[in-house]
Protein backbone atom coordinates (compact mmCIF):
# COMPACT_ATOMS: atom_id res chain seq x y z
CA UNK A 1 79.99 136.56 -127.64
CA UNK A 2 78.56 133.08 -127.32
CA UNK A 3 76.42 134.28 -124.38
CA UNK A 4 75.04 137.14 -126.53
CA UNK A 5 74.14 134.72 -129.36
CA UNK A 6 72.43 132.44 -126.98
CA UNK A 7 70.46 135.33 -125.49
CA UNK A 8 69.44 136.57 -128.93
CA UNK A 9 68.42 133.02 -129.84
CA UNK A 10 66.39 132.76 -126.68
CA UNK A 11 64.66 136.04 -127.40
CA UNK A 12 63.84 134.95 -130.94
CA UNK A 13 62.36 131.67 -129.63
CA UNK A 14 60.30 133.65 -127.12
CA UNK A 15 59.09 136.00 -129.87
CA UNK A 16 58.17 133.05 -132.14
CA UNK A 17 56.35 131.34 -129.29
CA UNK A 18 54.45 134.54 -128.45
CA UNK A 19 53.68 135.04 -132.12
CA UNK A 20 52.40 131.49 -132.42
CA UNK A 21 50.30 131.78 -129.27
CA UNK A 22 48.90 135.15 -130.42
CA UNK A 23 47.95 133.75 -133.82
CA UNK A 24 46.35 130.78 -132.16
CA UNK A 25 44.38 132.99 -129.72
CA UNK A 26 42.93 135.15 -132.53
CA UNK A 27 42.27 132.26 -134.86
CA UNK A 28 38.72 130.97 -135.40
CA UNK A 29 37.31 128.63 -132.82
CA UNK A 30 36.29 126.30 -135.60
CA UNK A 31 37.15 127.25 -139.18
CA UNK A 32 34.69 124.68 -140.56
CA UNK A 33 31.71 125.78 -138.48
CA UNK A 34 29.63 128.37 -140.35
CA UNK A 35 26.60 128.04 -138.11
CA UNK A 36 25.17 131.46 -137.22
CA UNK A 37 24.83 132.26 -133.52
CA UNK A 38 22.78 135.16 -132.26
CA UNK A 39 24.91 137.45 -130.18
CA UNK A 40 23.47 140.47 -128.37
CA UNK A 41 25.28 143.65 -127.37
CA UNK A 42 23.37 145.73 -124.85
CA UNK A 43 23.56 149.51 -124.65
CA UNK A 44 26.68 150.70 -122.83
CA UNK A 45 28.55 147.37 -122.77
CA UNK A 46 32.29 147.72 -122.63
CA UNK A 47 34.80 145.85 -124.86
CA UNK A 48 35.76 143.72 -121.84
CA UNK A 49 32.12 142.73 -121.14
CA UNK A 50 31.53 141.95 -124.83
CA UNK A 51 34.73 139.85 -124.92
CA UNK A 52 33.66 137.89 -121.82
CA UNK A 53 30.24 137.21 -123.29
CA UNK A 54 31.74 136.01 -126.55
CA UNK A 55 34.09 133.67 -124.65
CA UNK A 56 31.21 132.39 -122.53
CA UNK A 57 29.34 131.49 -125.71
CA UNK A 58 32.39 129.79 -127.19
CA UNK A 59 32.74 132.24 -130.03
CA UNK A 60 36.32 133.44 -129.31
CA UNK A 61 39.37 131.76 -127.86
CA UNK A 62 40.61 134.58 -125.59
CA UNK A 63 39.11 137.57 -123.85
CA UNK A 64 42.56 139.26 -123.75
CA UNK A 65 43.12 138.64 -127.46
CA UNK A 66 39.79 140.18 -128.27
CA UNK A 67 40.41 143.30 -126.14
CA UNK A 68 43.93 143.77 -127.61
CA UNK A 69 42.61 143.34 -131.17
CA UNK A 70 39.92 145.94 -130.58
CA UNK A 71 42.56 148.31 -129.18
CA UNK A 72 45.04 147.73 -131.96
CA UNK A 73 42.28 148.29 -134.58
CA UNK A 74 41.17 151.38 -132.64
CA UNK A 75 37.64 150.02 -132.40
CA UNK A 76 37.43 149.35 -128.72
CA UNK A 77 34.92 152.23 -128.28
CA UNK A 78 33.02 151.62 -131.52
CA UNK A 79 30.85 148.69 -130.59
CA UNK A 80 27.14 149.16 -131.32
CA UNK A 81 24.26 147.58 -129.52
CA UNK A 82 22.02 145.13 -131.34
CA UNK A 83 21.67 141.50 -132.35
CA UNK A 84 24.45 140.03 -134.50
CA UNK A 85 24.88 136.75 -136.33
CA UNK A 86 28.35 135.45 -135.43
CA UNK A 87 30.01 132.25 -136.62
CA UNK A 88 32.87 130.29 -135.05
CA UNK A 89 34.62 130.36 -138.43
CA UNK A 90 35.49 134.05 -138.01
CA UNK A 91 38.77 135.05 -136.43
CA UNK A 92 38.88 137.53 -133.63
CA UNK A 93 39.75 140.71 -135.60
CA UNK A 94 36.90 139.87 -138.00
CA UNK A 95 34.46 139.56 -135.14
CA UNK A 96 35.68 142.83 -133.67
CA UNK A 97 35.10 144.59 -136.99
CA UNK A 98 31.64 143.08 -137.58
CA UNK A 99 30.45 144.08 -134.11
CA UNK A 100 31.05 147.69 -134.96
CA UNK A 101 28.83 147.77 -138.05
CA UNK A 102 25.46 147.76 -136.27
CA UNK A 103 23.46 144.75 -135.28
CA UNK A 104 20.78 142.94 -137.21
CA UNK A 105 17.14 143.12 -136.23
CA UNK A 106 14.22 140.81 -137.02
CA UNK A 107 10.86 141.88 -138.39
CA UNK A 108 7.95 139.56 -139.05
CA UNK A 109 5.49 140.63 -141.71
CA UNK A 110 2.32 138.51 -141.92
CA UNK A 111 0.49 136.97 -144.86
CA UNK A 112 -2.39 139.13 -145.95
CA UNK A 113 -1.04 142.44 -144.66
CA UNK A 114 -1.25 145.26 -147.13
CA UNK A 115 1.43 147.93 -147.66
CA UNK A 116 -0.23 150.27 -145.23
CA UNK A 117 -0.18 147.70 -142.49
CA UNK A 118 3.45 146.80 -143.22
CA UNK A 119 4.48 150.47 -143.23
CA UNK A 120 2.72 151.06 -139.88
CA UNK A 121 4.44 148.05 -138.36
CA UNK A 122 7.80 149.28 -139.74
CA UNK A 123 7.21 152.54 -137.84
CA UNK A 124 5.92 150.77 -134.75
CA UNK A 125 9.18 148.77 -134.52
CA UNK A 126 11.08 152.09 -134.62
CA UNK A 127 12.85 151.49 -137.93
CA UNK A 128 11.53 154.53 -139.81
CA UNK A 129 8.50 156.49 -140.87
CA UNK A 130 5.45 154.76 -142.35
CA UNK A 131 5.03 157.38 -145.05
CA UNK A 132 8.68 156.95 -146.20
CA UNK A 133 8.10 153.18 -146.42
CA UNK A 134 4.96 153.63 -148.51
CA UNK A 135 6.66 156.10 -150.86
CA UNK A 136 9.52 153.63 -151.39
CA UNK A 137 7.02 151.06 -152.68
CA UNK A 138 5.75 153.55 -155.26
CA UNK A 139 9.07 154.08 -157.01
CA UNK A 140 9.42 152.69 -160.50
CA UNK A 141 13.07 151.81 -159.81
CA UNK A 142 11.99 148.34 -158.74
CA UNK A 143 10.29 147.57 -162.08
CA UNK A 144 13.66 147.78 -163.80
CA UNK A 145 15.27 145.30 -161.42
CA UNK A 146 12.85 142.38 -161.45
CA UNK A 147 11.45 140.48 -164.39
CA UNK A 148 8.22 139.50 -162.50
CA UNK A 149 7.30 143.15 -162.30
CA UNK A 150 7.39 143.71 -166.03
CA UNK A 151 3.61 143.17 -166.52
CA UNK A 152 2.73 145.34 -163.48
CA UNK A 153 1.02 148.53 -164.55
CA UNK A 154 3.23 151.57 -164.02
CA UNK A 155 0.61 153.41 -161.96
CA UNK A 156 0.39 150.85 -159.17
CA UNK A 157 2.79 150.24 -156.22
CA UNK A 158 4.35 146.98 -155.02
CA UNK A 159 1.14 145.77 -153.30
CA UNK A 160 1.05 142.00 -153.64
CA UNK A 161 4.77 141.49 -154.27
CA UNK A 162 6.14 142.19 -150.79
CA UNK A 163 6.59 138.61 -149.73
CA UNK A 164 5.42 138.03 -146.14
CA UNK A 165 8.13 136.39 -144.01
CA UNK A 166 10.47 136.95 -141.06
CA UNK A 167 13.45 138.98 -142.14
CA UNK A 168 16.84 139.74 -140.59
CA UNK A 169 17.65 143.33 -141.50
CA UNK A 170 20.21 145.98 -140.82
CA UNK A 171 18.05 149.00 -139.85
CA UNK A 172 20.69 151.36 -141.21
CA UNK A 173 19.84 150.11 -144.69
CA UNK A 174 16.37 151.69 -144.32
CA UNK A 175 13.09 150.67 -145.85
CA UNK A 176 14.60 150.03 -149.26
CA UNK A 177 16.86 147.39 -147.74
CA UNK A 178 13.83 145.48 -146.43
CA UNK A 179 11.82 145.98 -149.64
CA UNK A 180 14.67 144.54 -151.70
CA UNK A 181 14.83 141.48 -149.37
CA UNK A 182 11.05 141.00 -149.80
CA UNK A 183 11.20 141.27 -153.63
CA UNK A 184 14.23 138.91 -153.71
CA UNK A 185 12.21 136.46 -151.63
CA UNK A 186 9.22 136.68 -154.00
CA UNK A 187 11.58 136.12 -156.95
CA UNK A 188 12.82 132.94 -155.33
CA UNK A 189 9.55 131.51 -154.00
CA UNK A 190 7.57 132.28 -157.16
CA UNK A 191 9.36 129.63 -159.14
CA UNK A 192 10.06 129.35 -162.87
CA UNK A 193 7.74 126.32 -162.86
CA UNK A 194 4.92 128.42 -161.46
CA UNK A 195 5.56 131.16 -163.99
CA UNK A 196 5.59 128.58 -166.83
CA UNK A 197 2.24 127.19 -165.63
CA UNK A 198 0.68 130.65 -165.66
CA UNK A 199 2.06 131.33 -169.16
CA UNK A 200 0.54 128.03 -170.34
CA UNK A 201 -2.82 129.17 -169.01
CA UNK A 202 -2.48 132.61 -170.52
CA UNK A 203 -2.53 134.38 -167.17
CA UNK A 204 -0.19 137.26 -166.30
CA UNK A 205 1.85 137.29 -163.08
CA UNK A 206 0.13 140.56 -162.15
CA UNK A 207 -3.33 138.97 -162.47
CA UNK A 208 -2.22 135.87 -160.56
CA UNK A 209 -0.81 138.04 -157.69
CA UNK A 210 -4.03 140.13 -157.67
CA UNK A 211 -6.22 137.08 -157.40
CA UNK A 212 -3.92 135.50 -154.78
CA UNK A 213 -4.25 138.63 -152.69
CA UNK A 214 -8.01 138.20 -152.63
CA UNK A 215 -7.81 134.46 -152.04
CA UNK A 216 -5.38 135.09 -149.11
CA UNK A 217 -7.89 137.35 -147.36
CA UNK A 218 -10.87 135.06 -148.06
CA UNK A 219 -9.18 131.87 -146.90
CA UNK A 220 -7.84 133.33 -143.65
CA UNK A 221 -5.90 130.76 -141.60
CA UNK A 222 -6.75 127.82 -143.86
CA UNK A 223 -3.16 127.59 -145.12
CA UNK A 224 -2.14 126.63 -141.56
CA UNK A 225 -4.35 123.51 -141.96
CA UNK A 226 -2.92 122.53 -145.36
CA UNK A 227 -4.55 125.03 -147.71
CA UNK A 228 -7.18 122.70 -149.32
CA UNK A 229 -9.92 125.26 -148.97
CA UNK A 230 -7.57 127.98 -150.23
CA UNK A 231 -7.02 126.07 -153.45
CA UNK A 232 -10.76 125.39 -153.79
CA UNK A 233 -11.61 129.10 -153.39
CA UNK A 234 -8.98 129.93 -156.04
CA UNK A 235 -10.70 127.52 -158.44
CA UNK A 236 -14.11 129.03 -157.73
CA UNK A 237 -12.84 132.53 -158.40
CA UNK A 238 -11.04 131.46 -161.54
CA UNK A 239 -14.21 129.87 -162.97
CA UNK A 240 -16.23 132.95 -162.00
CA UNK A 241 -13.82 135.10 -163.95
CA UNK A 242 -14.05 132.68 -166.89
CA UNK A 243 -17.84 132.83 -167.13
CA UNK A 244 -18.13 136.54 -166.33
CA UNK A 245 -19.69 136.16 -162.90
CA UNK A 246 -18.75 138.84 -160.33
CA UNK A 247 -16.32 137.59 -157.68
CA UNK A 248 -18.47 139.13 -154.90
CA UNK A 249 -15.49 139.00 -152.51
CA UNK A 250 -16.12 140.45 -149.04
CA UNK A 251 -12.39 140.95 -148.72
CA UNK A 252 -12.37 143.52 -151.53
CA UNK A 253 -15.16 145.44 -149.84
CA UNK A 254 -13.23 145.49 -146.57
CA UNK A 255 -10.20 146.70 -148.49
CA UNK A 256 -12.27 149.78 -149.50
CA UNK A 257 -13.88 150.44 -146.11
CA UNK A 258 -10.86 149.50 -143.93
CA UNK A 259 -13.16 147.29 -141.88
CA UNK A 260 -12.51 143.61 -141.03
CA UNK A 261 -16.06 142.26 -141.03
CA UNK A 262 -16.73 138.69 -142.06
CA UNK A 263 -19.91 139.99 -143.67
CA UNK A 264 -19.92 143.55 -144.99
CA UNK A 265 -23.21 145.43 -144.76
CA UNK A 266 -25.49 145.68 -147.76
CA UNK A 267 -24.65 149.40 -148.03
CA UNK A 268 -20.91 148.60 -148.10
CA UNK A 269 -21.38 146.18 -151.00
CA UNK A 270 -23.06 148.98 -152.96
CA UNK A 271 -20.07 151.37 -152.71
CA UNK A 272 -19.08 152.70 -156.12
CA UNK A 273 -15.42 151.80 -156.21
CA UNK A 274 -13.34 149.81 -158.76
CA UNK A 275 -12.16 147.51 -155.99
CA UNK A 276 -15.79 146.53 -155.20
CA UNK A 277 -16.21 143.06 -156.76
CA UNK A 278 -19.85 143.10 -155.93
CA UNK A 279 -20.41 146.01 -158.31
CA UNK A 280 -17.73 145.21 -160.86
CA UNK A 281 -16.93 142.02 -162.74
CA UNK A 282 -13.41 140.78 -163.17
CA UNK A 283 -10.37 141.37 -161.00
CA UNK A 284 -9.69 144.43 -158.89
CA UNK A 285 -7.33 147.05 -160.44
CA UNK A 286 -4.54 145.55 -158.34
CA UNK A 287 -3.76 143.38 -155.35
CA UNK A 288 -5.49 144.12 -152.03
CA UNK A 289 -2.88 142.45 -149.86
CA UNK A 290 0.48 140.68 -149.95
CA UNK A 291 -0.22 136.95 -150.28
CA UNK A 292 1.92 134.18 -148.92
CA UNK A 293 3.18 131.20 -150.92
CA UNK A 294 0.12 129.06 -150.06
CA UNK A 295 -2.28 131.54 -151.72
CA UNK A 296 0.02 132.08 -154.71
CA UNK A 297 0.26 128.32 -155.25
CA UNK A 298 -3.53 128.01 -154.90
CA UNK A 299 -3.99 130.33 -157.89
CA UNK A 300 -1.30 128.59 -159.98
CA UNK A 301 -2.47 125.06 -158.95
CA UNK A 302 -6.18 125.42 -158.02
CA UNK A 303 -8.15 122.42 -156.70
CA UNK A 304 -10.87 121.60 -159.17
CA UNK A 305 -14.47 121.49 -157.84
CA UNK A 306 -18.04 122.03 -159.03
CA UNK A 307 -18.96 124.91 -156.70
CA UNK A 308 -19.54 128.56 -157.58
CA UNK A 309 -20.25 129.91 -154.09
CA UNK A 310 -18.61 129.63 -150.68
CA UNK A 311 -18.82 131.24 -147.29
CA UNK A 312 -16.68 131.12 -144.20
CA UNK A 313 -17.92 130.57 -140.63
CA UNK A 314 -17.76 133.56 -138.30
CA UNK A 315 -14.63 132.18 -136.59
CA UNK A 316 -12.98 131.62 -139.98
CA UNK A 317 -12.39 127.92 -139.37
CA UNK A 318 -15.02 126.30 -141.51
CA UNK A 319 -15.99 126.66 -145.18
CA UNK A 320 -19.35 125.91 -146.72
CA UNK A 321 -19.84 125.47 -150.48
CA UNK A 322 -22.78 125.62 -152.89
CA UNK A 323 -23.25 124.96 -156.60
CA UNK A 324 -25.89 127.69 -157.02
CA UNK A 325 -27.15 130.86 -155.36
CA UNK A 326 -30.13 129.15 -153.69
CA UNK A 327 -27.81 126.70 -151.97
CA UNK A 328 -25.56 129.61 -150.98
CA UNK A 329 -28.53 131.37 -149.32
CA UNK A 330 -29.46 128.18 -147.46
CA UNK A 331 -25.86 127.98 -146.14
CA UNK A 332 -26.00 131.60 -144.99
CA UNK A 333 -29.19 131.07 -143.06
CA UNK A 334 -27.90 127.86 -141.60
CA UNK A 335 -24.41 128.88 -140.59
CA UNK A 336 -24.36 132.68 -140.32
CA UNK A 337 -27.80 133.89 -139.22
């Protein structure tokens, strides 16, 4: 009898030890470390290979515990290729589950791209159809979700509001998943202080975004050098609007023609189109691109100057200013001819 009790006691101790070891092996590597680590699953990788890679990167405690967890959860054949963000604060079953949801992908959308360019890049990356992307930006469902879209005319799409940045996305969420991230980013970056400044000046968010989209295209890479010229160009355009002088922006002409010339032809500047700021005074009917934070800030906080004209060198690196049209012509002959 005593022998039986001793044996049962021994078995219970063994079970408790095994249970403790098992719990330890599936526990997080570091419960306080929430740092995200990129982890890649390649096409065709087995649960064993995935487990070994996770162990090699210090993200799990035990290869065997991972494989057993996957088997018990019946997910050992459900792993999907892709790039995942994994933290050491996740336990092994949680990592198993997350690696079956589909990996994240990165997409970089550049300042100054318009919706058409973004949609084409979306398709080029293999995430979906360009036309579907464009149609998603035309839906009025977004207007109901974001306060900053309230003054946007109902007949225009989200041009100007798709904040350029690098995004981590789950491709299975489709184009609407990315668009929501971009609008959320705009909502965060276009601060309440910036909105208050516009309100104080009597300028709508829509007009500010429209002007910023033109400034973005005119200033080119200046924001990479600090954005001083960007803020000066914004001030010039704002004063032109104030005194009723046409903006005469080459960028708006290029938007119509689809060209990328630093100097549109004389015939191009004569095109009859509401987006042609050589032929029409005031702002364009809507944004011509999606501006970054630098261009948006330039419109909200322009750099005061006395110029009314500017031009950019052919390589886009230098800016030349003039207070009057004669001086502008002199600069054109000097720097562009």
